[in-house]
N, C-alpha and C. Protein backbone atom coordinates (compact mmCIF):
# COMPACT_ATOMS: atom_id res chain seq x y z
N MET A 1 -0.20 -8.35 6.18
CA MET A 1 0.43 -7.97 5.07
C MET A 1 1.88 -7.60 5.36
N ASP A 2 2.82 -8.11 4.55
CA ASP A 2 4.25 -7.88 4.60
C ASP A 2 4.54 -6.40 4.11
N THR A 3 5.05 -5.65 5.00
CA THR A 3 5.21 -4.17 4.64
C THR A 3 6.71 -4.03 4.45
N VAL A 4 7.62 -5.04 4.56
CA VAL A 4 8.98 -4.80 4.20
C VAL A 4 9.23 -5.47 2.79
N LEU A 5 9.74 -4.37 1.84
CA LEU A 5 9.99 -4.94 0.55
C LEU A 5 11.49 -4.95 0.54
N GLN A 6 11.94 -6.27 0.12
CA GLN A 6 13.48 -6.48 -0.06
C GLN A 6 13.79 -6.24 -1.46
N LEU A 7 15.03 -5.75 -1.55
CA LEU A 7 15.40 -5.40 -2.90
C LEU A 7 16.90 -5.91 -3.25
N LEU A 8 17.14 -6.22 -4.39
CA LEU A 8 18.46 -6.64 -4.82
C LEU A 8 19.00 -5.46 -5.79
N ILE A 9 20.00 -4.77 -5.47
CA ILE A 9 20.50 -3.72 -6.28
C ILE A 9 21.63 -4.25 -7.21
N LYS A 10 21.31 -4.18 -8.56
CA LYS A 10 22.32 -4.59 -9.61
C LYS A 10 22.72 -3.43 -10.47
N GLN A 11 24.00 -3.49 -11.01
CA GLN A 11 24.49 -2.54 -11.89
C GLN A 11 23.87 -2.90 -13.39
N VAL A 12 23.08 -2.30 -14.06
CA VAL A 12 22.63 -2.51 -15.35
C VAL A 12 23.09 -1.41 -16.44
N TYR A 13 24.04 -1.68 -17.25
CA TYR A 13 24.66 -0.68 -18.11
C TYR A 13 25.15 0.60 -17.32
N GLY A 14 25.82 0.22 -16.15
CA GLY A 14 26.33 1.29 -15.29
C GLY A 14 25.44 2.08 -14.49
N LYS A 15 24.25 1.75 -14.36
CA LYS A 15 23.17 2.35 -13.54
C LYS A 15 22.68 1.20 -12.45
N PRO A 16 22.64 1.80 -11.20
CA PRO A 16 22.09 0.94 -10.14
C PRO A 16 20.56 0.79 -10.40
N THR A 17 20.03 -0.67 -10.29
CA THR A 17 18.77 -0.82 -10.61
C THR A 17 18.32 -1.73 -9.50
N ALA A 18 16.98 -1.55 -9.04
CA ALA A 18 16.40 -2.26 -7.98
C ALA A 18 15.50 -3.34 -8.46
N TYR A 19 15.92 -4.58 -8.05
CA TYR A 19 15.09 -5.72 -8.27
C TYR A 19 14.35 -6.19 -7.15
N PRO A 20 13.10 -6.81 -7.33
CA PRO A 20 12.47 -7.22 -6.21
C PRO A 20 13.02 -8.49 -5.60
N ALA A 21 13.10 -8.72 -4.23
CA ALA A 21 13.88 -9.83 -3.67
C ALA A 21 12.92 -10.57 -2.75
N ASN A 22 11.63 -10.31 -2.49
CA ASN A 22 10.74 -11.05 -1.91
C ASN A 22 9.28 -10.77 -2.64
N ALA A 23 8.36 -11.71 -2.10
CA ALA A 23 7.06 -11.70 -2.78
C ALA A 23 6.31 -10.38 -2.72
N ALA A 24 6.42 -9.70 -1.58
CA ALA A 24 5.85 -8.33 -1.42
C ALA A 24 6.41 -7.37 -2.65
N ALA A 25 7.73 -7.40 -2.70
CA ALA A 25 8.34 -6.42 -3.67
C ALA A 25 7.93 -6.90 -5.17
N GLU A 26 7.93 -8.24 -5.38
CA GLU A 26 7.38 -8.61 -6.69
C GLU A 26 6.02 -8.23 -6.90
N ARG A 27 5.17 -8.25 -6.02
CA ARG A 27 3.73 -7.73 -6.22
C ARG A 27 3.66 -6.29 -6.53
N LEU A 28 4.57 -5.48 -5.83
CA LEU A 28 4.56 -4.08 -6.11
C LEU A 28 4.95 -3.80 -7.56
N ALA A 29 6.14 -4.59 -8.00
CA ALA A 29 6.57 -4.38 -9.33
C ALA A 29 5.59 -4.82 -10.29
N GLU A 30 4.76 -5.83 -9.95
CA GLU A 30 3.76 -6.43 -10.91
C GLU A 30 2.55 -5.27 -11.09
N ILE A 31 2.28 -4.71 -9.95
CA ILE A 31 1.31 -3.61 -9.95
C ILE A 31 1.81 -2.34 -10.72
N ALA A 32 3.09 -2.12 -10.57
CA ALA A 32 3.60 -0.93 -11.42
C ALA A 32 3.82 -1.35 -12.86
N GLY A 33 3.61 -2.61 -13.17
CA GLY A 33 3.88 -2.94 -14.50
C GLY A 33 5.27 -2.94 -15.04
N THR A 34 6.34 -3.25 -14.06
CA THR A 34 7.69 -3.26 -14.42
C THR A 34 8.37 -4.48 -13.73
N LYS A 35 9.42 -4.80 -14.14
CA LYS A 35 10.20 -5.94 -13.57
C LYS A 35 11.25 -5.38 -12.38
N THR A 36 11.47 -4.21 -12.46
CA THR A 36 12.20 -3.58 -11.47
C THR A 36 11.52 -2.42 -10.79
N LEU A 37 12.00 -2.05 -9.54
CA LEU A 37 11.25 -0.92 -9.05
C LEU A 37 12.03 0.34 -9.19
N THR A 38 11.27 1.27 -9.74
CA THR A 38 11.68 2.48 -10.12
C THR A 38 11.84 3.53 -8.80
N ALA A 39 12.60 4.55 -9.02
CA ALA A 39 12.70 5.56 -7.87
C ALA A 39 11.26 6.02 -7.56
N ASN A 40 10.47 6.35 -8.63
CA ASN A 40 8.95 6.76 -8.21
C ASN A 40 8.23 5.69 -7.44
N THR A 41 8.32 4.45 -7.91
CA THR A 41 7.69 3.44 -7.25
C THR A 41 7.98 3.22 -5.80
N ILE A 42 9.35 3.28 -5.48
CA ILE A 42 9.81 3.31 -4.02
C ILE A 42 9.30 4.50 -3.42
N ALA A 43 9.45 5.69 -3.83
CA ALA A 43 8.92 6.83 -3.16
C ALA A 43 7.43 6.57 -2.78
N LEU A 44 6.67 6.23 -3.77
CA LEU A 44 5.15 6.13 -3.43
C LEU A 44 4.82 5.01 -2.42
N ALA A 45 5.59 3.92 -2.58
CA ALA A 45 5.39 2.82 -1.50
C ALA A 45 5.89 3.28 -0.16
N ALA A 46 6.92 4.12 -0.04
CA ALA A 46 7.43 4.64 1.19
C ALA A 46 6.37 5.49 1.74
N ALA A 47 5.67 6.36 0.99
CA ALA A 47 4.56 7.23 1.45
C ALA A 47 3.37 6.44 2.04
N MET A 48 3.36 5.08 1.42
CA MET A 48 2.04 4.28 1.95
C MET A 48 2.49 3.53 3.22
N GLY A 49 3.71 3.62 3.57
CA GLY A 49 4.12 2.99 4.88
C GLY A 49 5.05 1.75 4.70
N PHE A 50 5.43 1.43 3.60
CA PHE A 50 6.27 0.31 3.23
C PHE A 50 7.73 0.64 3.69
N THR A 51 8.45 -0.21 4.00
CA THR A 51 9.86 -0.03 4.40
C THR A 51 10.68 -1.00 3.44
N PHE A 52 11.95 -0.66 3.42
CA PHE A 52 12.74 -1.35 2.41
C PHE A 52 13.97 -1.99 2.95
N GLU A 53 14.40 -2.99 2.47
CA GLU A 53 15.46 -3.71 3.11
C GLU A 53 16.36 -4.19 1.77
N VAL A 54 17.62 -3.79 1.65
CA VAL A 54 18.41 -4.08 0.54
C VAL A 54 19.31 -5.45 0.96
N LYS A 55 18.86 -6.66 0.18
CA LYS A 55 19.40 -7.84 0.67
C LYS A 55 20.98 -7.84 0.21
N THR A 56 21.20 -7.56 -0.97
CA THR A 56 22.69 -7.43 -1.35
C THR A 56 22.79 -6.63 -2.54
N THR A 57 23.92 -6.49 -2.92
CA THR A 57 24.30 -5.68 -4.19
C THR A 57 25.11 -6.48 -5.15
N VAL A 58 24.99 -6.31 -6.42
CA VAL A 58 25.76 -7.09 -7.34
C VAL A 58 26.60 -6.23 -8.36
N GLY A 59 27.73 -6.36 -8.63
CA GLY A 59 28.41 -5.68 -9.57
C GLY A 59 29.76 -4.90 -9.09
N ASP A 60 30.67 -4.61 -10.17
CA ASP A 60 31.96 -4.24 -9.83
C ASP A 60 31.79 -2.84 -9.07
N PHE A 61 30.86 -1.98 -9.38
CA PHE A 61 30.74 -0.75 -8.55
C PHE A 61 30.61 -1.00 -7.06
N TRP A 62 29.82 -1.96 -6.70
CA TRP A 62 29.55 -2.28 -5.23
C TRP A 62 30.79 -2.82 -4.64
N ASP A 63 31.59 -3.71 -5.46
CA ASP A 63 32.79 -4.22 -4.79
C ASP A 63 33.74 -3.14 -4.54
N TYR A 64 33.82 -2.05 -5.41
CA TYR A 64 34.82 -0.89 -5.39
C TYR A 64 34.50 -0.16 -4.23
N VAL A 65 33.20 0.28 -4.05
CA VAL A 65 32.88 1.32 -3.05
C VAL A 65 32.52 0.63 -1.61
N GLY A 66 32.22 -0.71 -1.68
CA GLY A 66 31.99 -1.45 -0.38
C GLY A 66 30.50 -1.55 -0.22
N ALA A 67 30.01 -2.63 -0.66
CA ALA A 67 28.61 -2.92 -0.61
C ALA A 67 27.94 -2.81 0.76
N ASP A 68 28.73 -3.24 1.87
CA ASP A 68 28.12 -3.19 3.25
C ASP A 68 27.89 -1.67 3.66
N ALA A 69 28.77 -0.82 3.14
CA ALA A 69 28.77 0.61 3.67
C ALA A 69 27.51 1.27 3.04
N ILE A 70 27.30 0.84 1.84
CA ILE A 70 26.09 1.33 0.97
C ILE A 70 24.84 0.87 1.62
N ILE A 71 24.83 -0.37 1.99
CA ILE A 71 23.54 -1.05 2.45
C ILE A 71 23.18 -0.39 3.80
N SER A 72 24.27 -0.22 4.70
CA SER A 72 24.10 0.27 5.99
C SER A 72 23.49 1.81 5.95
N THR A 73 23.99 2.33 5.02
CA THR A 73 23.60 3.77 4.78
C THR A 73 22.20 4.07 4.18
N ILE A 74 21.58 3.08 3.37
CA ILE A 74 20.38 3.29 2.65
C ILE A 74 19.25 2.52 3.28
N GLN A 75 19.74 1.50 4.16
CA GLN A 75 18.66 0.52 4.83
C GLN A 75 17.66 1.43 5.50
N GLY A 76 16.41 1.43 5.23
CA GLY A 76 15.34 1.89 5.87
C GLY A 76 15.12 3.41 5.44
N ARG A 77 15.89 3.98 4.50
CA ARG A 77 15.78 5.23 4.13
C ARG A 77 15.43 5.34 2.60
N PRO A 78 14.25 5.35 2.28
CA PRO A 78 13.67 5.30 0.85
C PRO A 78 14.18 6.20 -0.03
N THR A 79 14.30 7.64 0.67
CA THR A 79 14.72 8.82 -0.23
C THR A 79 16.06 8.45 -0.69
N LEU A 80 16.95 8.00 0.05
CA LEU A 80 18.38 7.63 -0.39
C LEU A 80 18.41 6.62 -1.31
N LEU A 81 17.64 5.52 -1.05
CA LEU A 81 17.54 4.33 -2.01
C LEU A 81 16.96 4.95 -3.37
N ALA A 82 16.01 5.80 -3.41
CA ALA A 82 15.46 6.17 -4.66
C ALA A 82 16.42 7.19 -5.46
N ARG A 83 17.23 7.86 -4.69
CA ARG A 83 18.17 8.61 -5.36
C ARG A 83 19.36 7.81 -5.95
N LEU A 84 19.66 6.76 -5.26
CA LEU A 84 20.74 5.80 -5.70
C LEU A 84 20.24 5.16 -6.91
N ILE A 85 19.08 4.79 -7.13
CA ILE A 85 18.85 4.39 -8.44
C ILE A 85 18.21 5.26 -9.46
N GLY A 86 18.42 6.51 -9.20
CA GLY A 86 18.19 7.51 -10.29
C GLY A 86 17.17 8.30 -10.08
N GLY A 87 16.47 8.39 -9.11
CA GLY A 87 15.38 9.21 -8.84
C GLY A 87 15.61 10.48 -8.15
N ALA A 88 14.77 11.44 -8.06
CA ALA A 88 14.94 12.84 -7.32
C ALA A 88 14.16 12.81 -6.19
N ALA A 89 13.76 11.68 -5.61
CA ALA A 89 12.71 11.61 -4.50
C ALA A 89 13.16 12.44 -3.19
């Protein structure tokens, strides 16, 4: 089983949103009944032993703050990832 969930973070109406970027992440979103992965879903998946990899980020916000810095900070840290997309995990 692939335990690495790859995500694509996009700005949607000014809010960072996590989209699945590999088959495992797509299956998790399907199980959750969503097209994106919410902060709660990310936190629960992390508790089950899944790890996260941010493939890339899209949007003006990411260009401004530096997507590479954001990715290196949140890579493998689901709590920070969940907070980034709006949760309190």
